[in-house]
Amino acid sequence: MKDRIVTANMLALLGPAALLAGAYGFQYIGHIPPCEMCWWQRYAHMAAVALALIAMMLRGGLRRAFVLLAAAAIAVSGLIGIYHAGIEQKWWEGVTACTAPMISGSVQDVLAQVMATPLVRCDTIPWSLFGISMAGWNAILSLLCAGVVTWLTTRRR
């Protein structure tokens, strides 16, 4: 049982960390800025990483509880990914927010920054592989990871 919890804990840490690394790679290396819903998915993964790190410092039932909380956070990112992918596919209406950095300075500076800031829409697909968008891949990989972590943590001998 202990070995399964350790394995689940490592997966709960490394799974979302890898997905975050991929997301930041697309952002900074691939020059694909995230939309508002991409950030929501990242926040859930960040929470999962934090919970998995806390779990590594604990023992027994408390460790198991934090690993399950991390799995829940990973699943939340996957569910947001499903919702986001549905918006991209025009299956349902999405949010109207977009992402942009904080702007400050004189009126002319603000206007220049606003005009230079790209509008990142949640309903467009900036990249896909085999017809599946980044949001779709996040949903698949997150839910798979959350399922395996939960199974390892809760299964009986």
C-alpha atoms as a PDB file:
ATOM      1  CA  MET A   1       0.000   0.000   0.000  1.00  0.00           C
ATOM      2  CA  LYS A   2       2.781   2.420   0.930  1.00  0.00           C
ATOM      3  CA  ASP A   3       4.534   1.933  -2.426  1.00  0.00           C
ATOM      4  CA  ARG A   4       1.315   2.712  -4.301  1.00  0.00           C
ATOM      5  CA  ILE A   5       0.835   5.935  -2.334  1.00  0.00           C
ATOM      6  CA  VAL A   6       4.428   6.987  -3.059  1.00  0.00           C
ATOM      7  CA  THR A   7       3.919   6.210  -6.767  1.00  0.00           C
ATOM      8  CA  ALA A   8       0.592   8.063  -6.794  1.00  0.00           C
ATOM      9  CA  ASN A   9       2.210  11.016  -5.032  1.00  0.00           C
ATOM     10  CA  MET A  10       5.018  11.177  -7.609  1.00  0.00           C
ATOM     11  CA  LEU A  11       2.519  10.972 -10.471  1.00  0.00           C
ATOM     12  CA  ALA A  12       0.375  13.674  -8.832  1.00  0.00           C
ATOM     13  CA  LEU A  13       3.470  15.864  -8.757  1.00  0.00           C
ATOM     14  CA  LEU A  14       5.094  15.053 -12.090  1.00  0.00           C
ATOM     15  CA  GLY A  15       1.924  14.832 -14.212  1.00  0.00           C
ATOM     16  CA  PRO A  16       0.712  18.391 -13.693  1.00  0.00           C
ATOM     17  CA  ALA A  17       4.304  19.695 -13.587  1.00  0.00           C
ATOM     18  CA  ALA A  18       4.892  18.215 -17.046  1.00  0.00           C
ATOM     19  CA  LEU A  19       1.630  19.667 -18.366  1.00  0.00           C
ATOM     20  CA  LEU A  20       2.561  23.075 -16.938  1.00  0.00           C
ATOM     21  CA  ALA A  21       6.010  22.827 -18.520  1.00  0.00           C
ATOM     22  CA  GLY A  22       4.361  22.072 -21.846  1.00  0.00           C
ATOM     23  CA  ALA A  23       1.970  24.997 -21.491  1.00  0.00           C
ATOM     24  CA  TYR A  24       4.789  27.399 -20.661  1.00  0.00           C
ATOM     25  CA  GLY A  25       6.839  25.950 -23.501  1.00  0.00           C
ATOM     26  CA  PHE A  26       4.044  26.721 -25.956  1.00  0.00           C
ATOM     27  CA  GLN A  27       3.773  30.209 -24.481  1.00  0.00           C
ATOM     28  CA  TYR A  28       7.442  31.219 -24.363  1.00  0.00           C
ATOM     29  CA  ILE A  29       9.088  29.012 -27.001  1.00  0.00           C
ATOM     30  CA  GLY A  30       6.160  28.583 -29.385  1.00  0.00           C
ATOM     31  CA  HIS A  31       4.907  32.162 -28.885  1.00  0.00           C
ATOM     32  CA  ILE A  32       1.318  31.022 -28.322  1.00  0.00           C
ATOM     33  CA  PRO A  33      -0.121  33.241 -25.564  1.00  0.00           C
ATOM     34  CA  PRO A  34      -2.686  31.642 -23.236  1.00  0.00           C
ATOM     35  CA  CYS A  35      -6.313  32.694 -23.126  1.00  0.00           C
ATOM     36  CA  GLU A  36      -8.259  33.180 -19.894  1.00  0.00           C
ATOM     37  CA  MET A  37      -9.410  29.543 -19.755  1.00  0.00           C
ATOM     38  CA  CYS A  38      -5.863  28.306 -20.366  1.00  0.00           C
ATOM     39  CA  TRP A  39      -4.911  30.158 -17.188  1.00  0.00           C
ATOM     40  CA  TRP A  40      -7.745  28.462 -15.285  1.00  0.00           C
ATOM     41  CA  GLN A  41      -6.368  25.075 -16.321  1.00  0.00           C
ATOM     42  CA  ARG A  42      -2.879  26.124 -15.237  1.00  0.00           C
ATOM     43  CA  TYR A  43      -4.103  27.305 -11.828  1.00  0.00           C
ATOM     44  CA  ALA A  44      -5.613  23.877 -11.139  1.00  0.00           C
ATOM     45  CA  HIS A  45      -2.315  22.222 -12.086  1.00  0.00           C
ATOM     46  CA  MET A  46      -0.398  24.644  -9.868  1.00  0.00           C
ATOM     47  CA  ALA A  47      -2.682  23.704  -6.972  1.00  0.00           C
ATOM     48  CA  ALA A  48      -2.099  19.996  -7.712  1.00  0.00           C
ATOM     49  CA  VAL A  49       1.674  20.470  -7.653  1.00  0.00           C
ATOM     50  CA  ALA A  50       1.458  22.322  -4.330  1.00  0.00           C
ATOM     51  CA  LEU A  51      -0.785  19.635  -2.808  1.00  0.00           C
ATOM     52  CA  ALA A  52       1.505  16.851  -4.050  1.00  0.00           C
ATOM     53  CA  LEU A  53       4.531  18.628  -2.566  1.00  0.00           C
ATOM     54  CA  ILE A  54       2.748  18.931   0.776  1.00  0.00           C
ATOM     55  CA  ALA A  55       1.798  15.248   0.564  1.00  0.00           C
ATOM     56  CA  MET A  56       5.466  14.328   0.140  1.00  0.00           C
ATOM     57  CA  MET A  57       6.177  15.815   3.571  1.00  0.00           C
ATOM     58  CA  LEU A  58       3.390  13.854   5.275  1.00  0.00           C
ATOM     59  CA  ARG A  59       2.860  10.233   6.241  1.00  0.00           C
ATOM     60  CA  GLY A  60      -0.059   7.842   6.565  1.00  0.00           C
ATOM     61  CA  GLY A  61      -3.671   8.861   6.068  1.00  0.00           C
ATOM     62  CA  LEU A  62      -2.868  12.549   5.834  1.00  0.00           C
ATOM     63  CA  ARG A  63      -0.501  11.904   2.919  1.00  0.00           C
ATOM     64  CA  ARG A  64      -3.166   9.829   1.208  1.00  0.00           C
ATOM     65  CA  ALA A  65      -5.704  12.645   1.682  1.00  0.00           C
ATOM     66  CA  PHE A  66      -3.397  15.228   0.100  1.00  0.00           C
ATOM     67  CA  VAL A  67      -2.614  12.929  -2.820  1.00  0.00           C
ATOM     68  CA  LEU A  68      -6.362  12.563  -3.410  1.00  0.00           C
ATOM     69  CA  LEU A  69      -6.772  16.348  -3.203  1.00  0.00           C
ATOM     70  CA  ALA A  70      -4.019  16.695  -5.810  1.00  0.00           C
ATOM     71  CA  ALA A  71      -5.861  14.170  -8.012  1.00  0.00           C
ATOM     72  CA  ALA A  72      -9.028  16.240  -7.624  1.00  0.00           C
ATOM     73  CA  ALA A  73      -7.173  19.395  -8.702  1.00  0.00           C
ATOM     74  CA  ILE A  74      -5.764  17.565 -11.740  1.00  0.00           C
ATOM     75  CA  ALA A  75      -9.294  16.394 -12.605  1.00  0.00           C
ATOM     76  CA  VAL A  76     -10.586  19.972 -12.287  1.00  0.00           C
ATOM     77  CA  SER A  77      -8.030  21.067 -14.884  1.00  0.00           C
ATOM     78  CA  GLY A  78      -9.209  18.229 -17.125  1.00  0.00           C
ATOM     79  CA  LEU A  79     -12.851  19.234 -16.741  1.00  0.00           C
ATOM     80  CA  ILE A  80     -12.000  22.848 -17.561  1.00  0.00           C
ATOM     81  CA  GLY A  81     -10.131  21.466 -20.576  1.00  0.00           C
ATOM     82  CA  ILE A  82     -13.283  19.661 -21.746  1.00  0.00           C
ATOM     83  CA  TYR A  83     -15.297  22.859 -21.368  1.00  0.00           C
ATOM     84  CA  HIS A  84     -12.602  24.863 -23.172  1.00  0.00           C
ATOM     85  CA  ALA A  85     -12.349  22.345 -26.020  1.00  0.00           C
ATOM     86  CA  GLY A  86     -16.139  22.468 -26.403  1.00  0.00           C
ATOM     87  CA  ILE A  87     -15.981  26.240 -26.726  1.00  0.00           C
ATOM     88  CA  GLU A  88     -13.230  25.919 -29.340  1.00  0.00           C
ATOM     89  CA  GLN A  89     -15.373  23.457 -31.300  1.00  0.00           C
ATOM     90  CA  LYS A  90     -18.397  25.800 -30.987  1.00  0.00           C
ATOM     91  CA  TRP A  91     -20.381  23.117 -29.136  1.00  0.00           C
ATOM     92  CA  TRP A  92     -21.409  25.701 -26.538  1.00  0.00           C
ATOM     93  CA  GLU A  93     -21.003  29.379 -25.685  1.00  0.00           C
ATOM     94  CA  GLY A  94     -17.869  30.394 -23.832  1.00  0.00           C
ATOM     95  CA  VAL A  95     -16.642  33.167 -21.596  1.00  0.00           C
ATOM     96  CA  THR A  96     -16.173  36.662 -22.939  1.00  0.00           C
ATOM     97  CA  ALA A  97     -12.948  37.422 -21.054  1.00  0.00           C
ATOM     98  CA  CYS A  98      -9.576  37.685 -22.700  1.00  0.00           C
ATOM     99  CA  THR A  99      -6.103  37.937 -21.243  1.00  0.00           C
ATOM    100  CA  ALA A 100      -3.859  40.946 -21.358  1.00  0.00           C
ATOM    101  CA  PRO A 101      -1.011  42.203 -19.197  1.00  0.00           C
ATOM    102  CA  MET A 102      -1.511  45.052 -16.749  1.00  0.00           C
ATOM    103  CA  ILE A 103      -1.110  48.409 -18.478  1.00  0.00           C
ATOM    104  CA  SER A 104       0.184  51.612 -16.908  1.00  0.00           C
ATOM    105  CA  GLY A 105       1.781  54.903 -17.875  1.00  0.00           C
ATOM    106  CA  SER A 106       0.641  58.025 -19.661  1.00  0.00           C
ATOM    107  CA  VAL A 107      -2.466  58.088 -21.832  1.00  0.00           C
ATOM    108  CA  GLN A 108      -0.315  57.769 -24.955  1.00  0.00           C
ATOM    109  CA  ASP A 109       1.642  54.865 -23.420  1.00  0.00           C
ATOM    110  CA  VAL A 110      -1.552  53.094 -22.392  1.00  0.00           C
ATOM    111  CA  LEU A 111      -3.053  53.540 -25.854  1.00  0.00           C
ATOM    112  CA  ALA A 112       0.119  52.249 -27.515  1.00  0.00           C
ATOM    113  CA  GLN A 113       0.203  49.232 -25.164  1.00  0.00           C
ATOM    114  CA  VAL A 114      -3.478  48.471 -25.758  1.00  0.00           C
ATOM    115  CA  MET A 115      -3.014  48.611 -29.510  1.00  0.00           C
ATOM    116  CA  ALA A 116       0.081  46.366 -29.331  1.00  0.00           C
ATOM    117  CA  THR A 117      -1.491  43.777 -26.993  1.00  0.00           C
ATOM    118  CA  PRO A 118      -2.788  40.709 -28.852  1.00  0.00           C
ATOM    119  CA  LEU A 119      -6.359  39.649 -28.152  1.00  0.00           C
ATOM    120  CA  VAL A 120      -6.307  36.012 -27.086  1.00  0.00           C
ATOM    121  CA  ARG A 121      -9.663  34.386 -27.686  1.00  0.00           C
ATOM    122  CA  CYS A 122     -10.852  31.266 -25.881  1.00  0.00           C
ATOM    123  CA  ASP A 123     -12.916  30.102 -28.858  1.00  0.00           C
ATOM    124  CA  THR A 124     -10.071  29.699 -31.338  1.00  0.00           C
ATOM    125  CA  ILE A 125      -7.659  26.794 -31.693  1.00  0.00           C
ATOM    126  CA  PRO A 126      -4.084  28.115 -31.886  1.00  0.00           C
ATOM    127  CA  TRP A 127      -2.514  24.620 -32.155  1.00  0.00           C
ATOM    128  CA  SER A 128      -3.723  21.048 -32.552  1.00  0.00           C
ATOM    129  CA  LEU A 129      -2.323  17.544 -32.981  1.00  0.00           C
ATOM    130  CA  PHE A 130      -4.399  14.814 -34.650  1.00  0.00           C
ATOM    131  CA  GLY A 131      -7.351  17.224 -34.613  1.00  0.00           C
ATOM    132  CA  ILE A 132      -7.187  17.688 -30.829  1.00  0.00           C
ATOM    133  CA  SER A 133      -6.438  21.155 -29.433  1.00  0.00           C
ATOM    134  CA  MET A 134      -4.170  21.939 -26.489  1.00  0.00           C
ATOM    135  CA  ALA A 135      -7.265  22.181 -24.289  1.00  0.00           C
ATOM    136  CA  GLY A 136      -8.391  18.773 -25.522  1.00  0.00           C
ATOM    137  CA  TRP A 137      -4.976  17.229 -24.856  1.00  0.00           C
ATOM    138  CA  ASN A 138      -4.961  18.787 -21.398  1.00  0.00           C
ATOM    139  CA  ALA A 139      -8.379  17.235 -20.740  1.00  0.00           C
ATOM    140  CA  ILE A 140      -7.291  13.785 -21.910  1.00  0.00           C
ATOM    141  CA  LEU A 141      -3.949  13.749 -20.109  1.00  0.00           C
ATOM    142  CA  SER A 142      -5.258  15.395 -16.920  1.00  0.00           C
ATOM    143  CA  LEU A 143      -8.216  13.057 -16.535  1.00  0.00           C
ATOM    144  CA  LEU A 144      -6.027  10.044 -17.285  1.00  0.00           C
ATOM    145  CA  CYS A 145      -3.471  11.196 -14.698  1.00  0.00           C
ATOM    146  CA  ALA A 146      -6.164  11.962 -12.101  1.00  0.00           C
ATOM    147  CA  GLY A 147      -7.745   8.562 -12.703  1.00  0.00           C
ATOM    148  CA  VAL A 148      -4.480   6.670 -12.283  1.00  0.00           C
ATOM    149  CA  VAL A 149      -3.550   8.647  -9.140  1.00  0.00           C
ATOM    150  CA  THR A 150      -6.982   7.990  -7.655  1.00  0.00           C
ATOM    151  CA  TRP A 151      -6.863   4.298  -8.572  1.00  0.00           C
ATOM    152  CA  LEU A 152      -3.385   3.857  -7.065  1.00  0.00           C
ATOM    153  CA  THR A 153      -4.429   5.693  -3.921  1.00  0.00           C
ATOM    154  CA  THR A 154      -7.742   3.933  -3.310  1.00  0.00           C
ATOM    155  CA  ARG A 155      -7.359   0.396  -4.646  1.00  0.00           C
ATOM    156  CA  ARG A 156      -7.267  -2.464  -2.217  1.00  0.00           C
ATOM    157  CA  ARG A 157      -4.781  -5.325  -2.331  1.00  0.00           C
END
